[in-house]
Structure formats: structure tokens, C-alpha cells
């Protein structure tokens, strides 16, 4: 049985399968969840979401939580995802994310 992220939006409760999430992007109080099926927004905080996520998710920046299984390419300035979305941020944040991604992939392969 797949794990799900439970979110409330406009009086409704949604159960989003974790394997469908590509990344989450925060702007002020609004969080956009990019999934393999599309995108939707809701109001919330990352600190409320993080306990529901597993080891494949990385909070690589205060504005992004990414699914490392959905990364196609990564370097010291950008991350590219399976849906074509790219995120750019500073070298230091990206360097740390790259290290964590390398460790995650190594564990997954072994």
C-alpha cells in the first residue's frame, strides 16, 4: 500500500500518493504540489508536511521539497525533473543537495 500525503484544499481533503509527487514549491503561505498528473495549490507550511514524507524527499531550500526519485539531472546550479521543470538556486544550497542526492542514490543502488 502506498503512502499518501493528506492535504486540505477549499474544504476538501485530498490524499496524494507520495510516488506521484515530483516536487513541492512554497511561495509565502501557498504550496504548489507538482505531480505526475498535474499541479495544484493549497495553503499550508512545509513543517506540517515534512513528517508525512519519507527518505526520498529532500527539503533542499526553504522554498522547495523535492522527490529525489524524480530527478533527471543535477549540477551545482540547477535540478531537472522528469516533468521538464527546472529549479535554480545558489551554489552552496545546490552543493549540499547534490551530496545528499549522491548518498541517496548510492544506498538505493546497493
PDB file of N, CA and C in Angstrom:
ATOM      1  N   UNK A   1       0.844  -1.179   0.000  1.00  0.00           N
ATOM      2  CA  UNK A   1       0.000   0.000   0.000  1.00  0.00           C
ATOM      3  C   UNK A   1       0.890   1.243   0.000  1.00  0.00           C
ATOM      4  N   UNK A   2       0.615   2.171  -0.891  1.00  0.00           N
ATOM      5  CA  UNK A   2       1.455   3.359  -0.998  1.00  0.00           C
ATOM      6  C   UNK A   2       1.089   4.395   0.061  1.00  0.00           C
ATOM      7  N   UNK A   3       2.118   5.105   0.511  1.00  0.00           N
ATOM      8  CA  UNK A   3       1.898   6.167   1.485  1.00  0.00           C
ATOM      9  C   UNK A   3       1.317   7.374   0.766  1.00  0.00           C
ATOM     10  N   UNK A   4       0.557   8.173   1.507  1.00  0.00           N
ATOM     11  CA  UNK A   4      -0.097   9.333   0.912  1.00  0.00           C
ATOM     12  C   UNK A   4       0.132  10.572   1.763  1.00  0.00           C
ATOM     13  N   UNK A   5       0.142  11.703   1.103  1.00  0.00           N
ATOM     14  CA  UNK A   5       0.203  12.990   1.765  1.00  0.00           C
ATOM     15  C   UNK A   5      -1.217  13.527   1.818  1.00  0.00           C
ATOM     16  N   UNK A   6      -1.696  13.814   3.003  1.00  0.00           N
ATOM     17  CA  UNK A   6      -3.061  14.316   3.183  1.00  0.00           C
ATOM     18  C   UNK A   6      -3.006  15.842   3.243  1.00  0.00           C
ATOM     19  N   UNK A   7      -3.736  16.504   2.340  1.00  0.00           N
ATOM     20  CA  UNK A   7      -3.791  17.964   2.334  1.00  0.00           C
ATOM     21  C   UNK A   7      -5.241  18.428   2.237  1.00  0.00           C
ATOM     22  N   UNK A   8      -5.492  19.593   2.803  1.00  0.00           N
ATOM     23  CA  UNK A   8      -6.825  20.187   2.742  1.00  0.00           C
ATOM     24  C   UNK A   8      -6.790  21.368   1.790  1.00  0.00           C
ATOM     25  N   UNK A   9      -7.801  21.413   0.938  1.00  0.00           N
ATOM     26  CA  UNK A   9      -7.887  22.494  -0.046  1.00  0.00           C
ATOM     27  C   UNK A   9      -9.356  22.832  -0.266  1.00  0.00           C
ATOM     28  N   UNK A  10      -9.688  24.081   0.005  1.00  0.00           N
ATOM     29  CA  UNK A  10     -11.052  24.579  -0.213  1.00  0.00           C
ATOM     30  C   UNK A  10     -12.115  23.684   0.417  1.00  0.00           C
ATOM     31  N   UNK A  11     -11.902  23.283   1.647  1.00  0.00           N
ATOM     32  CA  UNK A  11     -12.882  22.487   2.375  1.00  0.00           C
ATOM     33  C   UNK A  11     -12.890  21.008   2.039  1.00  0.00           C
ATOM     34  N   UNK A  12     -12.013  20.568   1.148  1.00  0.00           N
ATOM     35  CA  UNK A  12     -11.934  19.153   0.787  1.00  0.00           C
ATOM     36  C   UNK A  12     -10.601  18.586   1.250  1.00  0.00           C
ATOM     37  N   UNK A  13     -10.568  17.292   1.477  1.00  0.00           N
ATOM     38  CA  UNK A  13      -9.346  16.602   1.884  1.00  0.00           C
ATOM     39  C   UNK A  13      -8.874  15.737   0.715  1.00  0.00           C
ATOM     40  N   UNK A  14      -7.599  15.863   0.381  1.00  0.00           N
ATOM     41  CA  UNK A  14      -7.018  15.100  -0.723  1.00  0.00           C
ATOM     42  C   UNK A  14      -5.927  14.183  -0.192  1.00  0.00           C
ATOM     43  N   UNK A  15      -5.838  12.984  -0.738  1.00  0.00           N
ATOM     44  CA  UNK A  15      -4.779  12.034  -0.418  1.00  0.00           C
ATOM     45  C   UNK A  15      -3.912  11.888  -1.673  1.00  0.00           C
ATOM     46  N   UNK A  16      -2.739  12.474  -1.633  1.00  0.00           N
ATOM     47  CA  UNK A  16      -1.833  12.464  -2.783  1.00  0.00           C
ATOM     48  C   UNK A  16      -0.794  11.369  -2.571  1.00  0.00           C
ATOM     49  N   UNK A  17      -0.742  10.364  -3.453  1.00  0.00           N
ATOM     50  CA  UNK A  17       0.272   9.305  -3.313  1.00  0.00           C
ATOM     51  C   UNK A  17       1.682   9.896  -3.411  1.00  0.00           C
ATOM     52  N   UNK A  18       2.557   9.537  -2.487  1.00  0.00           N
ATOM     53  CA  UNK A  18       3.908  10.095  -2.473  1.00  0.00           C
ATOM     54  C   UNK A  18       4.666   9.814  -3.766  1.00  0.00           C
ATOM     55  N   UNK A  19       4.449   8.655  -4.362  1.00  0.00           N
ATOM     56  CA  UNK A  19       5.193   8.326  -5.585  1.00  0.00           C
ATOM     57  C   UNK A  19       4.778   9.191  -6.781  1.00  0.00           C
ATOM     58  N   UNK A  20       3.656   9.892  -6.688  1.00  0.00           N
ATOM     59  CA  UNK A  20       3.205  10.780  -7.762  1.00  0.00           C
ATOM     60  C   UNK A  20       3.760  12.198  -7.625  1.00  0.00           C
ATOM     61  N   UNK A  21       4.317  12.540  -6.447  1.00  0.00           N
ATOM     62  CA  UNK A  21       4.828  13.884  -6.203  1.00  0.00           C
ATOM     63  C   UNK A  21       6.223  14.032  -6.807  1.00  0.00           C
ATOM     64  N   UNK A  22       6.400  15.078  -7.606  1.00  0.00           N
ATOM     65  CA  UNK A  22       7.705  15.392  -8.195  1.00  0.00           C
ATOM     66  C   UNK A  22       8.437  16.391  -7.310  1.00  0.00           C
ATOM     67  N   UNK A  23       7.761  17.474  -6.975  1.00  0.00           N
ATOM     68  CA  UNK A  23       8.325  18.462  -6.071  1.00  0.00           C
ATOM     69  C   UNK A  23       7.231  19.322  -5.484  1.00  0.00           C
ATOM     70  N   UNK A  24       7.570  20.016  -4.410  1.00  0.00           N
ATOM     71  CA  UNK A  24       6.662  20.976  -3.787  1.00  0.00           C
ATOM     72  C   UNK A  24       7.388  22.304  -3.713  1.00  0.00           C
ATOM     73  N   UNK A  25       6.648  23.351  -4.044  1.00  0.00           N
ATOM     74  CA  UNK A  25       7.216  24.687  -4.127  1.00  0.00           C
ATOM     75  C   UNK A  25       6.390  25.622  -3.249  1.00  0.00           C
ATOM     76  N   UNK A  26       7.065  26.401  -2.397  1.00  0.00           N
ATOM     77  CA  UNK A  26       6.359  27.282  -1.475  1.00  0.00           C
ATOM     78  C   UNK A  26       6.613  28.735  -1.835  1.00  0.00           C
ATOM     79  N   UNK A  27       5.538  29.514  -1.809  1.00  0.00           N
ATOM     80  CA  UNK A  27       5.633  30.957  -2.001  1.00  0.00           C
ATOM     81  C   UNK A  27       4.701  31.591  -0.983  1.00  0.00           C
ATOM     82  N   UNK A  28       5.285  32.272  -0.014  1.00  0.00           N
ATOM     83  CA  UNK A  28       4.541  32.813   1.130  1.00  0.00           C
ATOM     84  C   UNK A  28       3.804  31.674   1.827  1.00  0.00           C
ATOM     85  N   UNK A  29       2.485  31.702   1.870  1.00  0.00           N
ATOM     86  CA  UNK A  29       1.730  30.638   2.547  1.00  0.00           C
ATOM     87  C   UNK A  29       1.204  29.586   1.576  1.00  0.00           C
ATOM     88  N   UNK A  30       1.383  29.794   0.289  1.00  0.00           N
ATOM     89  CA  UNK A  30       0.848  28.866  -0.715  1.00  0.00           C
ATOM     90  C   UNK A  30       1.896  27.822  -1.086  1.00  0.00           C
ATOM     91  N   UNK A  31       1.466  26.562  -1.098  1.00  0.00           N
ATOM     92  CA  UNK A  31       2.329  25.461  -1.516  1.00  0.00           C
ATOM     93  C   UNK A  31       1.763  24.876  -2.806  1.00  0.00           C
ATOM     94  N   UNK A  32       2.618  24.743  -3.817  1.00  0.00           N
ATOM     95  CA  UNK A  32       2.239  24.120  -5.087  1.00  0.00           C
ATOM     96  C   UNK A  32       2.852  22.734  -5.127  1.00  0.00           C
ATOM     97  N   UNK A  33       2.007  21.731  -5.319  1.00  0.00           N
ATOM     98  CA  UNK A  33       2.495  20.355  -5.450  1.00  0.00           C
ATOM     99  C   UNK A  33       2.483  19.997  -6.933  1.00  0.00           C
ATOM    100  N   UNK A  34       3.669  19.707  -7.459  1.00  0.00           N
ATOM    101  CA  UNK A  34       3.812  19.269  -8.849  1.00  0.00           C
ATOM    102  C   UNK A  34       3.807  17.749  -8.820  1.00  0.00           C
ATOM    103  N   UNK A  35       2.839  17.136  -9.500  1.00  0.00           N
ATOM    104  CA  UNK A  35       2.735  15.679  -9.534  1.00  0.00           C
ATOM    105  C   UNK A  35       2.848  15.185 -10.966  1.00  0.00           C
ATOM    106  N   UNK A  36       2.917  13.891 -11.127  1.00  0.00           N
ATOM    107  CA  UNK A  36       2.951  13.307 -12.465  1.00  0.00           C
ATOM    108  C   UNK A  36       1.615  13.503 -13.184  1.00  0.00           C
ATOM    109  N   UNK A  37       0.577  13.865 -12.448  1.00  0.00           N
ATOM    110  CA  UNK A  37      -0.755  14.077 -13.022  1.00  0.00           C
ATOM    111  C   UNK A  37      -1.099  15.547 -13.222  1.00  0.00           C
ATOM    112  N   UNK A  38      -0.238  16.446 -12.768  1.00  0.00           N
ATOM    113  CA  UNK A  38      -0.502  17.872 -12.871  1.00  0.00           C
ATOM    114  C   UNK A  38      -0.053  18.594 -11.623  1.00  0.00           C
ATOM    115  N   UNK A  39      -0.634  19.763 -11.389  1.00  0.00           N
ATOM    116  CA  UNK A  39      -0.227  20.580 -10.262  1.00  0.00           C
ATOM    117  C   UNK A  39      -1.446  21.144  -9.554  1.00  0.00           C
ATOM    118  N   UNK A  40      -1.364  21.297  -8.222  1.00  0.00           N
ATOM    119  CA  UNK A  40      -2.405  22.010  -7.507  1.00  0.00           C
ATOM    120  C   UNK A  40      -1.811  22.733  -6.316  1.00  0.00           C
ATOM    121  N   UNK A  41      -2.515  23.782  -5.877  1.00  0.00           N
ATOM    122  CA  UNK A  41      -2.064  24.640  -4.791  1.00  0.00           C
ATOM    123  C   UNK A  41      -2.955  24.489  -3.572  1.00  0.00           C
ATOM    124  N   UNK A  42      -2.377  24.755  -2.424  1.00  0.00           N
ATOM    125  CA  UNK A  42      -3.138  24.832  -1.183  1.00  0.00           C
ATOM    126  C   UNK A  42      -2.342  25.695  -0.215  1.00  0.00           C
ATOM    127  N   UNK A  43      -2.984  26.114   0.836  1.00  0.00           N
ATOM    128  CA  UNK A  43      -2.314  26.934   1.840  1.00  0.00           C
ATOM    129  C   UNK A  43      -1.830  26.046   2.982  1.00  0.00           C
ATOM    130  N   UNK A  44      -0.578  26.240   3.381  1.00  0.00           N
ATOM    131  CA  UNK A  44      -0.011  25.447   4.449  1.00  0.00           C
ATOM    132  C   UNK A  44       1.437  25.809   4.693  1.00  0.00           C
ATOM    133  N   UNK A  45       2.097  24.992   5.508  1.00  0.00           N
ATOM    134  CA  UNK A  45       3.501  25.188   5.859  1.00  0.00           C
ATOM    135  C   UNK A  45       4.256  23.885   5.633  1.00  0.00           C
ATOM    136  N   UNK A  46       5.504  24.010   5.198  1.00  0.00           N
ATOM    137  CA  UNK A  46       6.327  22.815   4.999  1.00  0.00           C
ATOM    138  C   UNK A  46       6.475  22.020   6.292  1.00  0.00           C
ATOM    139  N   UNK A  47       6.587  22.708   7.434  1.00  0.00           N
ATOM    140  CA  UNK A  47       6.797  21.980   8.692  1.00  0.00           C
ATOM    141  C   UNK A  47       5.612  21.074   9.036  1.00  0.00           C
ATOM    142  N   UNK A  48       4.447  21.347   8.461  1.00  0.00           N
ATOM    143  CA  UNK A  48       3.284  20.479   8.664  1.00  0.00           C
ATOM    144  C   UNK A  48       3.326  19.267   7.732  1.00  0.00           C
ATOM    145  N   UNK A  49       3.998  19.402   6.606  1.00  0.00           N
ATOM    146  CA  UNK A  49       4.055  18.358   5.578  1.00  0.00           C
ATOM    147  C   UNK A  49       5.202  17.372   5.817  1.00  0.00           C
ATOM    148  N   UNK A  50       6.339  17.871   6.224  1.00  0.00           N
ATOM    149  CA  UNK A  50       7.562  17.068   6.326  1.00  0.00           C
ATOM    150  C   UNK A  50       7.390  15.767   7.115  1.00  0.00           C
ATOM    151  N   UNK A  51       6.666  15.741   8.244  1.00  0.00           N
ATOM    152  CA  UNK A  51       6.517  14.465   8.963  1.00  0.00           C
ATOM    153  C   UNK A  51       5.810  13.359   8.160  1.00  0.00           C
ATOM    154  N   UNK A  52       5.053  13.719   7.140  1.00  0.00           N
ATOM    155  CA  UNK A  52       4.332  12.738   6.322  1.00  0.00           C
ATOM    156  C   UNK A  52       5.179  12.163   5.194  1.00  0.00           C
ATOM    157  N   UNK A  53       6.357  12.716   4.977  1.00  0.00           N
ATOM    158  CA  UNK A  53       7.200  12.312   3.848  1.00  0.00           C
ATOM    159  C   UNK A  53       8.213  11.258   4.280  1.00  0.00           C
ATOM    160  N   UNK A  54       8.776  10.553   3.293  1.00  0.00           N
ATOM    161  CA  UNK A  54       9.790   9.542   3.597  1.00  0.00           C
ATOM    162  C   UNK A  54      11.164   9.982   3.109  1.00  0.00           C
ATOM    163  N   UNK A  55      12.127   9.046   3.106  1.00  0.00           N
ATOM    164  CA  UNK A  55      13.526   9.381   2.831  1.00  0.00           C
ATOM    165  C   UNK A  55      13.802   9.857   1.409  1.00  0.00           C
ATOM    166  N   UNK A  56      12.901   9.639   0.480  1.00  0.00           N
ATOM    167  CA  UNK A  56      13.147  10.087  -0.894  1.00  0.00           C
ATOM    168  C   UNK A  56      12.944  11.588  -1.063  1.00  0.00           C
ATOM    169  N   UNK A  57      12.363  12.238  -0.061  1.00  0.00           N
ATOM    170  CA  UNK A  57      12.088  13.672  -0.143  1.00  0.00           C
ATOM    171  C   UNK A  57      13.168  14.470   0.570  1.00  0.00           C
ATOM    172  N   UNK A  58      13.582  15.557  -0.077  1.00  0.00           N
ATOM    173  CA  UNK A  58      14.641  16.406   0.435  1.00  0.00           C
ATOM    174  C   UNK A  58      14.172  17.853   0.432  1.00  0.00           C
ATOM    175  N   UNK A  59      14.260  18.486   1.578  1.00  0.00           N
ATOM    176  CA  UNK A  59      13.979  19.922   1.685  1.00  0.00           C
ATOM    177  C   UNK A  59      15.298  20.616   1.374  1.00  0.00           C
ATOM    178  N   UNK A  60      15.533  20.889   0.098  1.00  0.00           N
ATOM    179  CA  UNK A  60      16.827  21.384  -0.353  1.00  0.00           C
ATOM    180  C   UNK A  60      16.941  22.901  -0.274  1.00  0.00           C
ATOM    181  N   UNK A  61      15.843  23.559   0.021  1.00  0.00           N
ATOM    182  CA  UNK A  61      15.797  25.017   0.057  1.00  0.00           C
ATOM    183  C   UNK A  61      14.551  25.397   0.826  1.00  0.00           C
ATOM    184  N   UNK A  62      14.490  26.581   1.369  1.00  0.00           N
ATOM    185  CA  UNK A  62      13.295  26.961   2.130  1.00  0.00           C
ATOM    186  C   UNK A  62      12.047  27.011   1.262  1.00  0.00           C
ATOM    187  N   UNK A  63      12.238  27.054  -0.062  1.00  0.00           N
ATOM    188  CA  UNK A  63      11.098  27.118  -0.978  1.00  0.00           C
ATOM    189  C   UNK A  63      10.793  25.816  -1.699  1.00  0.00           C
ATOM    190  N   UNK A  64      11.621  24.778  -1.515  1.00  0.00           N
ATOM    191  CA  UNK A  64      11.435  23.537  -2.272  1.00  0.00           C
ATOM    192  C   UNK A  64      11.598  22.289  -1.416  1.00  0.00           C
ATOM    193  N   UNK A  65      10.726  21.339  -1.659  1.00  0.00           N
ATOM    194  CA  UNK A  65      10.912  19.960  -1.209  1.00  0.00           C
ATOM    195  C   UNK A  65      10.858  19.130  -2.481  1.00  0.00           C
ATOM    196  N   UNK A  66      11.888  18.324  -2.706  1.00  0.00           N
ATOM    197  CA  UNK A  66      11.963  17.583  -3.964  1.00  0.00           C
ATOM    198  C   UNK A  66      11.919  16.076  -3.703  1.00  0.00           C
ATOM    199  N   UNK A  67      11.393  15.356  -4.703  1.00  0.00           N
ATOM    200  CA  UNK A  67      11.398  13.896  -4.688  1.00  0.00           C
ATOM    201  C   UNK A  67      12.642  13.463  -5.462  1.00  0.00           C
ATOM    202  N   UNK A  68      13.625  12.900  -4.773  1.00  0.00           N
ATOM    203  CA  UNK A  68      14.887  12.539  -5.416  1.00  0.00           C
ATOM    204  C   UNK A  68      14.718  11.441  -6.465  1.00  0.00           C
ATOM    205  N   UNK A  69      13.631  10.673  -6.397  1.00  0.00           N
ATOM    206  CA  UNK A  69      13.374   9.652  -7.418  1.00  0.00           C
ATOM    207  C   UNK A  69      12.968  10.278  -8.748  1.00  0.00           C
ATOM    208  N   UNK A  70      12.580  11.543  -8.750  1.00  0.00           N
ATOM    209  CA  UNK A  70      12.109  12.221  -9.961  1.00  0.00           C
ATOM    210  C   UNK A  70      13.168  13.105 -10.606  1.00  0.00           C
ATOM    211  N   UNK A  71      14.402  13.082 -10.082  1.00  0.00           N
ATOM    212  CA  UNK A  71      15.477  13.897 -10.641  1.00  0.00           C
ATOM    213  C   UNK A  71      16.038  13.228 -11.884  1.00  0.00           C
ATOM    214  N   UNK A  72      16.168  14.009 -12.955  1.00  0.00           N
ATOM    215  CA  UNK A  72      16.769  13.528 -14.198  1.00  0.00           C
ATOM    216  C   UNK A  72      18.235  13.939 -14.249  1.00  0.00           C
ATOM    217  N   UNK A  73      18.522  15.182 -13.864  1.00  0.00           N
ATOM    218  CA  UNK A  73      19.893  15.692 -13.882  1.00  0.00           C
ATOM    219  C   UNK A  73      20.051  16.731 -12.777  1.00  0.00           C
ATOM    220  N   UNK A  74      21.293  16.837 -12.303  1.00  0.00           N
ATOM    221  CA  UNK A  74      21.560  17.782 -11.230  1.00  0.00           C
ATOM    222  C   UNK A  74      22.996  18.249 -11.344  1.00  0.00           C
ATOM    223  N   UNK A  75      23.215  19.555 -11.173  1.00  0.00           N
ATOM    224  CA  UNK A  75      24.570  20.086 -11.106  1.00  0.00           C
ATOM    225  C   UNK A  75      24.617  21.174 -10.046  1.00  0.00           C
ATOM    226  N   UNK A  76      25.647  21.992 -10.047  1.00  0.00           N
ATOM    227  CA  UNK A  76      25.825  22.963  -8.975  1.00  0.00           C
ATOM    228  C   UNK A  76      24.996  24.234  -9.113  1.00  0.00           C
ATOM    229  N   UNK A  77      24.069  24.285 -10.056  1.00  0.00           N
ATOM    230  CA  UNK A  77      23.208  25.464 -10.140  1.00  0.00           C
ATOM    231  C   UNK A  77      21.748  25.139 -10.419  1.00  0.00           C
ATOM    232  N   UNK A  78      21.461  23.905 -10.848  1.00  0.00           N
ATOM    233  CA  UNK A  78      20.078  23.573 -11.167  1.00  0.00           C
ATOM    234  C   UNK A  78      19.784  22.092 -10.959  1.00  0.00           C
ATOM    235  N   UNK A  79      18.469  21.814 -10.812  1.00  0.00           N
ATOM    236  CA  UNK A  79      17.976  20.445 -10.732  1.00  0.00           C
ATOM    237  C   UNK A  79      16.887  20.307 -11.785  1.00  0.00           C
ATOM    238  N   UNK A  80      16.964  19.251 -12.597  1.00  0.00           N
ATOM    239  CA  UNK A  80      15.984  18.993 -13.656  1.00  0.00           C
ATOM    240  C   UNK A  80      15.169  17.759 -13.276  1.00  0.00           C
ATOM    241  N   UNK A  81      13.863  17.831 -13.522  1.00  0.00           N
ATOM    242  CA  UNK A  81      12.955  16.758 -13.115  1.00  0.00           C
ATOM    243  C   UNK A  81      12.314  16.071 -14.318  1.00  0.00           C
ATOM    244  N   UNK A  82      11.669  14.946 -14.063  1.00  0.00           N
ATOM    245  CA  UNK A  82      11.055  14.141 -15.118  1.00  0.00           C
ATOM    246  C   UNK A  82       9.961  14.880 -15.871  1.00  0.00           C
ATOM    247  N   UNK A  83       9.324  15.868 -15.254  1.00  0.00           N
ATOM    248  CA  UNK A  83       8.259  16.609 -15.926  1.00  0.00           C
ATOM    249  C   UNK A  83       8.786  17.811 -16.708  1.00  0.00           C
ATOM    250  N   UNK A  84      10.113  17.979 -16.771  1.00  0.00           N
ATOM    251  CA  UNK A  84      10.716  19.087 -17.506  1.00  0.00           C
ATOM    252  C   UNK A  84      10.958  20.328 -16.654  1.00  0.00           C
ATOM    253  N   UNK A  85      10.440  20.357 -15.459  1.00  0.00           N
ATOM    254  CA  UNK A  85      10.629  21.513 -14.564  1.00  0.00           C
ATOM    255  C   UNK A  85      12.081  21.578 -14.123  1.00  0.00           C
ATOM    256  N   UNK A  86      12.594  22.793 -14.035  1.00  0.00           N
ATOM    257  CA  UNK A  86      13.950  23.036 -13.552  1.00  0.00           C
ATOM    258  C   UNK A  86      13.872  24.044 -12.418  1.00  0.00           C
ATOM    259  N   UNK A  87      14.671  23.816 -11.391  1.00  0.00           N
ATOM    260  CA  UNK A  87      14.769  24.806 -10.328  1.00  0.00           C
ATOM    261  C   UNK A  87      16.226  25.234 -10.213  1.00  0.00           C
ATOM    262  N   UNK A  88      16.408  26.512  -9.976  1.00  0.00           N
ATOM    263  CA  UNK A  88      17.736  27.106  -9.863  1.00  0.00           C
ATOM    264  C   UNK A  88      17.876  27.717  -8.484  1.00  0.00           C
ATOM    265  N   UNK A  89      19.047  27.571  -7.895  1.00  0.00           N
ATOM    266  CA  UNK A  89      19.331  28.275  -6.660  1.00  0.00           C
ATOM    267  C   UNK A  89      20.822  28.307  -6.411  1.00  0.00           C
ATOM    268  N   UNK A  90      21.235  28.931  -5.324  1.00  0.00           N
ATOM    269  CA  UNK A  90      22.644  29.180  -5.027  1.00  0.00           C
ATOM    270  C   UNK A  90      23.526  27.948  -4.985  1.00  0.00           C
ATOM    271  N   UNK A  91      24.793  28.187  -5.241  1.00  0.00           N
ATOM    272  CA  UNK A  91      25.788  27.121  -5.304  1.00  0.00           C
ATOM    273  C   UNK A  91      25.881  26.328  -4.007  1.00  0.00           C
ATOM    274  N   UNK A  92      25.866  27.001  -2.860  1.00  0.00           N
ATOM    275  CA  UNK A  92      26.002  26.302  -1.581  1.00  0.00           C
ATOM    276  C   UNK A  92      24.825  25.366  -1.325  1.00  0.00           C
ATOM    277  N   UNK A  93      23.600  25.850  -1.556  1.00  0.00           N
ATOM    278  CA  UNK A  93      22.412  25.010  -1.356  1.00  0.00           C
ATOM    279  C   UNK A  93      22.436  23.838  -2.321  1.00  0.00           C
ATOM    280  N   UNK A  94      22.805  24.097  -3.551  1.00  0.00           N
ATOM    281  CA  UNK A  94      22.824  23.039  -4.560  1.00  0.00           C
ATOM    282  C   UNK A  94      23.926  22.023  -4.259  1.00  0.00           C
ATOM    283  N   UNK A  95      25.063  22.488  -3.768  1.00  0.00           N
ATOM    284  CA  UNK A  95      26.172  21.576  -3.424  1.00  0.00           C
ATOM    285  C   UNK A  95      25.728  20.606  -2.329  1.00  0.00           C
ATOM    286  N   UNK A  96      25.071  21.112  -1.299  1.00  0.00           N
ATOM    287  CA  UNK A  96      24.584  20.265  -0.207  1.00  0.00           C
ATOM    288  C   UNK A  96      23.540  19.267  -0.729  1.00  0.00           C
ATOM    289  N   UNK A  97      22.623  19.743  -1.564  1.00  0.00           N
ATOM    290  CA  UNK A  97      21.600  18.869  -2.154  1.00  0.00           C
ATOM    291  C   UNK A  97      22.256  17.778  -3.009  1.00  0.00           C
ATOM    292  N   UNK A  98      23.292  18.142  -3.741  1.00  0.00           N
ATOM    293  CA  UNK A  98      23.995  17.184  -4.592  1.00  0.00           C
ATOM    294  C   UNK A  98      24.658  16.090  -3.754  1.00  0.00           C
ATOM    295  N   UNK A  99      25.228  16.461  -2.614  1.00  0.00           N
ATOM    296  CA  UNK A  99      25.831  15.472  -1.714  1.00  0.00           C
ATOM    297  C   UNK A  99      24.775  14.501  -1.180  1.00  0.00           C
ATOM    298  N   UNK A 100      23.661  15.040  -0.723  1.00  0.00           N
ATOM    299  CA  UNK A 100      22.595  14.195  -0.171  1.00  0.00           C
ATOM    300  C   UNK A 100      22.010  13.298  -1.258  1.00  0.00           C
ATOM    301  N   UNK A 101      21.836  13.835  -2.463  1.00  0.00           N
ATOM    302  CA  UNK A 101      21.327  13.051  -3.589  1.00  0.00           C
ATOM    303  C   UNK A 101      22.286  11.904  -3.919  1.00  0.00           C
ATOM    304  N   UNK A 102      23.585  12.182  -3.915  1.00  0.00           N
ATOM    305  CA  UNK A 102      24.591  11.142  -4.181  1.00  0.00           C
ATOM    306  C   UNK A 102      24.519  10.012  -3.173  1.00  0.00           C
ATOM    307  N   UNK A 103      24.371  10.366  -1.889  1.00  0.00           N
ATOM    308  CA  UNK A 103      24.247   9.358  -0.837  1.00  0.00           C
ATOM    309  C   UNK A 103      22.965   8.541  -1.017  1.00  0.00           C
ATOM    310  N   UNK A 104      21.869   9.210  -1.366  1.00  0.00           N
ATOM    311  CA  UNK A 104      20.586   8.529  -1.553  1.00  0.00           C
ATOM    312  C   UNK A 104      20.667   7.524  -2.700  1.00  0.00           C
ATOM    313  N   UNK A 105      21.244   7.939  -3.808  1.00  0.00           N
ATOM    314  CA  UNK A 105      21.364   7.061  -4.984  1.00  0.00           C
ATOM    315  C   UNK A 105      22.278   5.873  -4.657  1.00  0.00           C
ATOM    316  N   UNK A 106      23.369   6.128  -3.938  1.00  0.00           N
ATOM    317  CA  UNK A 106      24.291   5.050  -3.558  1.00  0.00           C
ATOM    318  C   UNK A 106      23.582   3.989  -2.726  1.00  0.00           C
ATOM    319  N   UNK A 107      22.775   4.405  -1.754  1.00  0.00           N
ATOM    320  CA  UNK A 107      22.034   3.468  -0.917  1.00  0.00           C
ATOM    321  C   UNK A 107      20.991   2.708  -1.733  1.00  0.00           C
ATOM    322  N   UNK A 108      20.386   3.393  -2.681  1.00  0.00           N
ATOM    323  CA  UNK A 108      19.344   2.785  -3.494  1.00  0.00           C
ATOM    324  C   UNK A 108      19.918   1.716  -4.422  1.00  0.00           C
ATOM    325  N   UNK A 109      21.095   1.953  -4.940  1.00  0.00           N
ATOM    326  CA  UNK A 109      21.742   1.015  -5.871  1.00  0.00           C
ATOM    327  C   UNK A 109      22.188  -0.237  -5.122  1.00  0.00           C
ATOM    328  N   UNK A 110      22.721  -0.036  -3.912  1.00  0.00           N
ATOM    329  CA  UNK A 110      23.208  -1.181  -3.127  1.00  0.00           C
ATOM    330  C   UNK A 110      22.060  -1.868  -2.502  1.00  0.00           C
TER     331      UNK A 110
END
